[in-house]
Amino acid sequence: MGEILVGGVLLFGARVGDVSLGTLRTLLLVRGNRLVAAGIGFFEVLIYVFALNFVFRHLDTPINLVFYGLGFAAGNLVGAWLEERLAFGYATVQVITLQQPEKLAADLRREGFGVTTVQGEGLEGKHLILYAITKRRLLHMLLGRIRAWDAQAFITVLETRTTRGGFYGRHGK
């Protein structure tokens, strides 16, 4: 029984590892990081083949399928958690605030964020729209500054796949 449990735990760990790497690889590909994604894919497939080989060699132990499935599920969660922590890439933040948008833009610039403003028109008239592109690892800080300024501000966050030129502020490239 101990051998079965050890094998199941190893299988579970292998699946968590390869699926986590697969999740990271996919997200990196979407963000245009092809070379890093390819390197991760190499290790992902090695672990996957090991896990699959283990399952096929032990088909007489159905509990391995349970460990295999649980490892897959947990690997998705771990991969998404890792990607959030690593926070690769950039995000574009759009802000509409009725609370002195020019002053907010100036304050954010002073704090090191690059901010562009444009005039927009909505249902209730013309409003200034603030755009800031920031590293994803700094997104929480930028959103905190905006919410502290105006808890009712309309904020959208967009994934930014590619950037070229421009000014990102002290927090930029």
C-alpha atoms as a PDB file:
ATOM      1  CA  MET A   1       0.000   0.000   0.000  1.00  0.00           C
ATOM      2  CA  GLY A   2       2.897   2.359   0.783  1.00  0.00           C
ATOM      3  CA  GLU A   3       4.325   1.880  -2.710  1.00  0.00           C
ATOM      4  CA  ILE A   4       0.984   2.758  -4.274  1.00  0.00           C
ATOM      5  CA  LEU A   5       0.703   5.923  -2.177  1.00  0.00           C
ATOM      6  CA  VAL A   6       4.263   7.027  -2.968  1.00  0.00           C
ATOM      7  CA  GLY A   7       3.651   6.401  -6.669  1.00  0.00           C
ATOM      8  CA  GLY A   8       0.387   8.309  -6.539  1.00  0.00           C
ATOM      9  CA  VAL A   9       1.985  11.277  -4.791  1.00  0.00           C
ATOM     10  CA  LEU A  10       4.820  11.324  -7.339  1.00  0.00           C
ATOM     11  CA  LEU A  11       2.279  11.153 -10.154  1.00  0.00           C
ATOM     12  CA  PHE A  12       0.243  13.949  -8.580  1.00  0.00           C
ATOM     13  CA  GLY A  13       3.372  16.107  -8.226  1.00  0.00           C
ATOM     14  CA  ALA A  14       4.454  15.435 -11.794  1.00  0.00           C
ATOM     15  CA  ARG A  15       1.040  16.462 -13.122  1.00  0.00           C
ATOM     16  CA  VAL A  16       0.997  19.604 -10.990  1.00  0.00           C
ATOM     17  CA  GLY A  17       4.434  20.415 -12.412  1.00  0.00           C
ATOM     18  CA  ASP A  18       3.726  19.783 -16.071  1.00  0.00           C
ATOM     19  CA  VAL A  19       0.283  21.416 -16.081  1.00  0.00           C
ATOM     20  CA  SER A  20       1.608  24.455 -14.194  1.00  0.00           C
ATOM     21  CA  LEU A  21       4.362  24.789 -16.781  1.00  0.00           C
ATOM     22  CA  GLY A  22       1.794  24.342 -19.549  1.00  0.00           C
ATOM     23  CA  THR A  23      -0.360  27.110 -18.122  1.00  0.00           C
ATOM     24  CA  LEU A  24       2.653  29.428 -17.884  1.00  0.00           C
ATOM     25  CA  ARG A  25       3.762  28.489 -21.392  1.00  0.00           C
ATOM     26  CA  THR A  26       0.340  29.241 -22.869  1.00  0.00           C
ATOM     27  CA  LEU A  27       0.071  32.604 -21.136  1.00  0.00           C
ATOM     28  CA  LEU A  28       3.584  33.542 -22.237  1.00  0.00           C
ATOM     29  CA  LEU A  29       2.772  32.617 -25.838  1.00  0.00           C
ATOM     30  CA  VAL A  30      -0.326  34.807 -25.751  1.00  0.00           C
ATOM     31  CA  ARG A  31       1.847  37.681 -24.520  1.00  0.00           C
ATOM     32  CA  GLY A  32       4.407  37.146 -27.283  1.00  0.00           C
ATOM     33  CA  ASN A  33       7.230  35.575 -25.216  1.00  0.00           C
ATOM     34  CA  ARG A  34       7.878  32.740 -27.667  1.00  0.00           C
ATOM     35  CA  LEU A  35      11.439  31.871 -26.696  1.00  0.00           C
ATOM     36  CA  VAL A  36      10.737  31.535 -22.973  1.00  0.00           C
ATOM     37  CA  ALA A  37       7.568  29.579 -23.780  1.00  0.00           C
ATOM     38  CA  ALA A  38       9.559  27.159 -25.934  1.00  0.00           C
ATOM     39  CA  GLY A  39      12.037  26.533 -23.109  1.00  0.00           C
ATOM     40  CA  ILE A  40       9.237  25.891 -20.642  1.00  0.00           C
ATOM     41  CA  GLY A  41       7.560  23.571 -23.161  1.00  0.00           C
ATOM     42  CA  PHE A  42      10.659  21.377 -23.264  1.00  0.00           C
ATOM     43  CA  PHE A  43      10.510  20.677 -19.534  1.00  0.00           C
ATOM     44  CA  GLU A  44       6.723  20.424 -19.570  1.00  0.00           C
ATOM     45  CA  VAL A  45       6.737  17.589 -22.094  1.00  0.00           C
ATOM     46  CA  LEU A  46       9.492  15.690 -20.276  1.00  0.00           C
ATOM     47  CA  ILE A  47       7.455  15.659 -17.075  1.00  0.00           C
ATOM     48  CA  TYR A  48       4.268  14.796 -18.993  1.00  0.00           C
ATOM     49  CA  VAL A  49       5.853  11.793 -20.702  1.00  0.00           C
ATOM     50  CA  PHE A  50       7.184  10.580 -17.351  1.00  0.00           C
ATOM     51  CA  ALA A  51       3.715  10.848 -15.774  1.00  0.00           C
ATOM     52  CA  LEU A  52       1.943   9.210 -18.701  1.00  0.00           C
ATOM     53  CA  ASN A  53       4.477   6.378 -18.778  1.00  0.00           C
ATOM     54  CA  PHE A  54       3.914   5.798 -15.067  1.00  0.00           C
ATOM     55  CA  VAL A  55       0.137   5.567 -15.523  1.00  0.00           C
ATOM     56  CA  PHE A  56       0.422   3.124 -18.437  1.00  0.00           C
ATOM     57  CA  ARG A  57       2.887   0.926 -16.560  1.00  0.00           C
ATOM     58  CA  HIS A  58       0.503   0.763 -13.602  1.00  0.00           C
ATOM     59  CA  LEU A  59      -2.894   0.411 -15.241  1.00  0.00           C
ATOM     60  CA  ASP A  60      -3.666  -2.293 -12.697  1.00  0.00           C
ATOM     61  CA  THR A  61      -3.795   0.444 -10.019  1.00  0.00           C
ATOM     62  CA  PRO A  62      -6.874   2.608 -10.774  1.00  0.00           C
ATOM     63  CA  ILE A  63      -6.075   5.019  -7.934  1.00  0.00           C
ATOM     64  CA  ASN A  64      -3.277   6.352 -10.178  1.00  0.00           C
ATOM     65  CA  LEU A  65      -5.927   7.759 -12.508  1.00  0.00           C
ATOM     66  CA  VAL A  66      -7.376   9.666  -9.568  1.00  0.00           C
ATOM     67  CA  PHE A  67      -3.934  11.068  -8.668  1.00  0.00           C
ATOM     68  CA  TYR A  68      -3.388  11.896 -12.353  1.00  0.00           C
ATOM     69  CA  GLY A  69      -6.685  13.800 -12.569  1.00  0.00           C
ATOM     70  CA  LEU A  70      -6.194  15.589  -9.245  1.00  0.00           C
ATOM     71  CA  GLY A  71      -2.695  16.622 -10.324  1.00  0.00           C
ATOM     72  CA  PHE A  72      -4.090  18.035 -13.548  1.00  0.00           C
ATOM     73  CA  ALA A  73      -6.728  20.079 -11.688  1.00  0.00           C
ATOM     74  CA  ALA A  74      -4.245  21.333  -9.088  1.00  0.00           C
ATOM     75  CA  GLY A  75      -1.718  22.147 -11.814  1.00  0.00           C
ATOM     76  CA  ASN A  76      -4.165  24.563 -13.433  1.00  0.00           C
ATOM     77  CA  LEU A  77      -4.604  26.401 -10.146  1.00  0.00           C
ATOM     78  CA  VAL A  78      -0.878  26.462  -9.388  1.00  0.00           C
ATOM     79  CA  GLY A  79      -0.005  27.623 -12.918  1.00  0.00           C
ATOM     80  CA  ALA A  80      -2.485  30.509 -12.778  1.00  0.00           C
ATOM     81  CA  TRP A  81      -1.237  31.463  -9.298  1.00  0.00           C
ATOM     82  CA  LEU A  82       2.393  31.418 -10.491  1.00  0.00           C
ATOM     83  CA  GLU A  83       1.582  33.550 -13.513  1.00  0.00           C
ATOM     84  CA  GLU A  84      -0.150  36.129 -11.321  1.00  0.00           C
ATOM     85  CA  ARG A  85       2.871  36.263  -9.022  1.00  0.00           C
ATOM     86  CA  LEU A  86       5.375  36.525 -11.866  1.00  0.00           C
ATOM     87  CA  ALA A  87       3.163  39.129 -13.615  1.00  0.00           C
ATOM     88  CA  PHE A  88       4.915  39.118 -16.972  1.00  0.00           C
ATOM     89  CA  GLY A  89       4.193  41.865 -19.463  1.00  0.00           C
ATOM     90  CA  TYR A  90       2.244  45.081 -19.457  1.00  0.00           C
ATOM     91  CA  ALA A  91      -1.307  46.244 -18.856  1.00  0.00           C
ATOM     92  CA  THR A  92      -3.144  49.282 -20.202  1.00  0.00           C
ATOM     93  CA  VAL A  93      -5.329  51.081 -17.674  1.00  0.00           C
ATOM     94  CA  GLN A  94      -8.108  53.410 -18.828  1.00  0.00           C
ATOM     95  CA  VAL A  95      -9.623  55.725 -16.233  1.00  0.00           C
ATOM     96  CA  ILE A  96     -12.611  58.051 -16.306  1.00  0.00           C
ATOM     97  CA  THR A  97     -12.938  60.123 -13.169  1.00  0.00           C
ATOM     98  CA  LEU A  98     -15.055  63.178 -12.491  1.00  0.00           C
ATOM     99  CA  GLN A  99     -12.733  64.164  -9.627  1.00  0.00           C
ATOM    100  CA  GLN A 100     -10.177  66.521 -11.213  1.00  0.00           C
ATOM    101  CA  PRO A 101      -8.769  64.166 -13.868  1.00  0.00           C
ATOM    102  CA  GLU A 102      -5.995  66.612 -14.846  1.00  0.00           C
ATOM    103  CA  LYS A 103      -4.719  66.665 -11.277  1.00  0.00           C
ATOM    104  CA  LEU A 104      -4.893  62.849 -11.019  1.00  0.00           C
ATOM    105  CA  ALA A 105      -2.864  62.556 -14.243  1.00  0.00           C
ATOM    106  CA  ALA A 106      -0.270  64.988 -12.878  1.00  0.00           C
ATOM    107  CA  ASP A 107      -0.066  63.131  -9.548  1.00  0.00           C
ATOM    108  CA  LEU A 108       0.369  59.773 -11.285  1.00  0.00           C
ATOM    109  CA  ARG A 109       3.105  61.250 -13.475  1.00  0.00           C
ATOM    110  CA  ARG A 110       4.855  62.601 -10.366  1.00  0.00           C
ATOM    111  CA  GLU A 111       4.687  59.095  -8.898  1.00  0.00           C
ATOM    112  CA  GLY A 112       6.487  57.772 -11.966  1.00  0.00           C
ATOM    113  CA  PHE A 113       3.672  56.494 -14.171  1.00  0.00           C
ATOM    114  CA  GLY A 114       3.386  57.538 -17.808  1.00  0.00           C
ATOM    115  CA  VAL A 115      -0.113  58.920 -18.402  1.00  0.00           C
ATOM    116  CA  THR A 116      -1.771  60.115 -21.609  1.00  0.00           C
ATOM    117  CA  THR A 117      -5.079  61.970 -21.595  1.00  0.00           C
ATOM    118  CA  VAL A 118      -7.662  62.237 -24.370  1.00  0.00           C
ATOM    119  CA  GLN A 119     -11.061  63.861 -24.570  1.00  0.00           C
ATOM    120  CA  GLY A 120     -13.975  61.439 -24.661  1.00  0.00           C
ATOM    121  CA  GLU A 121     -17.699  61.902 -24.914  1.00  0.00           C
ATOM    122  CA  GLY A 122     -20.263  59.733 -23.164  1.00  0.00           C
ATOM    123  CA  LEU A 123     -23.895  59.788 -22.163  1.00  0.00           C
ATOM    124  CA  GLU A 124     -23.290  62.554 -19.641  1.00  0.00           C
ATOM    125  CA  GLY A 125     -21.054  64.734 -21.815  1.00  0.00           C
ATOM    126  CA  LYS A 126     -17.337  65.214 -22.371  1.00  0.00           C
ATOM    127  CA  HIS A 127     -14.816  63.712 -19.974  1.00  0.00           C
ATOM    128  CA  LEU A 128     -11.072  63.331 -19.893  1.00  0.00           C
ATOM    129  CA  ILE A 129      -9.906  59.718 -20.282  1.00  0.00           C
ATOM    130  CA  LEU A 130      -6.582  58.786 -18.722  1.00  0.00           C
ATOM    131  CA  TYR A 131      -4.462  56.025 -20.251  1.00  0.00           C
ATOM    132  CA  ALA A 132      -1.504  54.474 -18.467  1.00  0.00           C
ATOM    133  CA  ILE A 133       0.574  51.519 -19.582  1.00  0.00           C
ATOM    134  CA  THR A 134       2.381  49.830 -16.738  1.00  0.00           C
ATOM    135  CA  LYS A 135       4.197  46.629 -15.945  1.00  0.00           C
ATOM    136  CA  ARG A 136       1.695  44.089 -14.647  1.00  0.00           C
ATOM    137  CA  ARG A 137       3.683  43.700 -11.437  1.00  0.00           C
ATOM    138  CA  LEU A 138       2.923  47.380 -10.716  1.00  0.00           C
ATOM    139  CA  LEU A 139      -0.756  47.209 -11.664  1.00  0.00           C
ATOM    140  CA  HIS A 140      -1.929  46.757  -8.073  1.00  0.00           C
ATOM    141  CA  MET A 141      -0.031  49.895  -7.008  1.00  0.00           C
ATOM    142  CA  LEU A 142      -1.444  51.982  -9.870  1.00  0.00           C
ATOM    143  CA  LEU A 143      -5.012  50.813  -9.247  1.00  0.00           C
ATOM    144  CA  GLY A 144      -4.607  51.557  -5.545  1.00  0.00           C
ATOM    145  CA  ARG A 145      -3.553  55.131  -6.313  1.00  0.00           C
ATOM    146  CA  ILE A 146      -6.535  55.603  -8.630  1.00  0.00           C
ATOM    147  CA  ARG A 147      -9.040  54.116  -6.155  1.00  0.00           C
ATOM    148  CA  ALA A 148      -7.640  56.269  -3.359  1.00  0.00           C
ATOM    149  CA  TRP A 149      -8.193  59.306  -5.578  1.00  0.00           C
ATOM    150  CA  ASP A 150     -11.719  58.355  -6.635  1.00  0.00           C
ATOM    151  CA  ALA A 151     -13.385  55.183  -5.395  1.00  0.00           C
ATOM    152  CA  GLN A 152     -16.126  55.716  -8.023  1.00  0.00           C
ATOM    153  CA  ALA A 153     -13.769  56.061 -11.009  1.00  0.00           C
ATOM    154  CA  PHE A 154     -14.582  53.941 -14.043  1.00  0.00           C
ATOM    155  CA  ILE A 155     -11.494  51.793 -14.644  1.00  0.00           C
ATOM    156  CA  THR A 156     -10.787  49.213 -17.306  1.00  0.00           C
ATOM    157  CA  VAL A 157      -7.653  47.091 -17.457  1.00  0.00           C
ATOM    158  CA  LEU A 158      -6.578  45.585 -20.764  1.00  0.00           C
ATOM    159  CA  GLU A 159      -3.849  43.071 -21.490  1.00  0.00           C
ATOM    160  CA  THR A 160      -1.124  44.743 -23.542  1.00  0.00           C
ATOM    161  CA  ARG A 161       0.559  42.294 -25.847  1.00  0.00           C
ATOM    162  CA  THR A 162       3.143  44.529 -27.523  1.00  0.00           C
ATOM    163  CA  THR A 163       4.536  47.996 -26.909  1.00  0.00           C
ATOM    164  CA  ARG A 164       6.836  50.077 -29.097  1.00  0.00           C
ATOM    165  CA  GLY A 165       8.347  53.451 -28.238  1.00  0.00           C
ATOM    166  CA  GLY A 166       6.682  55.874 -25.879  1.00  0.00           C
ATOM    167  CA  PHE A 167       7.305  56.857 -22.286  1.00  0.00           C
ATOM    168  CA  TYR A 168       6.450  54.573 -19.390  1.00  0.00           C
ATOM    169  CA  GLY A 169       7.681  56.743 -16.559  1.00  0.00           C
ATOM    170  CA  ARG A 170      10.141  55.666 -13.873  1.00  0.00           C
ATOM    171  CA  HIS A 171       8.237  52.408 -13.532  1.00  0.00           C
ATOM    172  CA  GLY A 172       8.429  51.629 -17.254  1.00  0.00           C
ATOM    173  CA  LYS A 173      10.983  49.732 -19.331  1.00  0.00           C
END
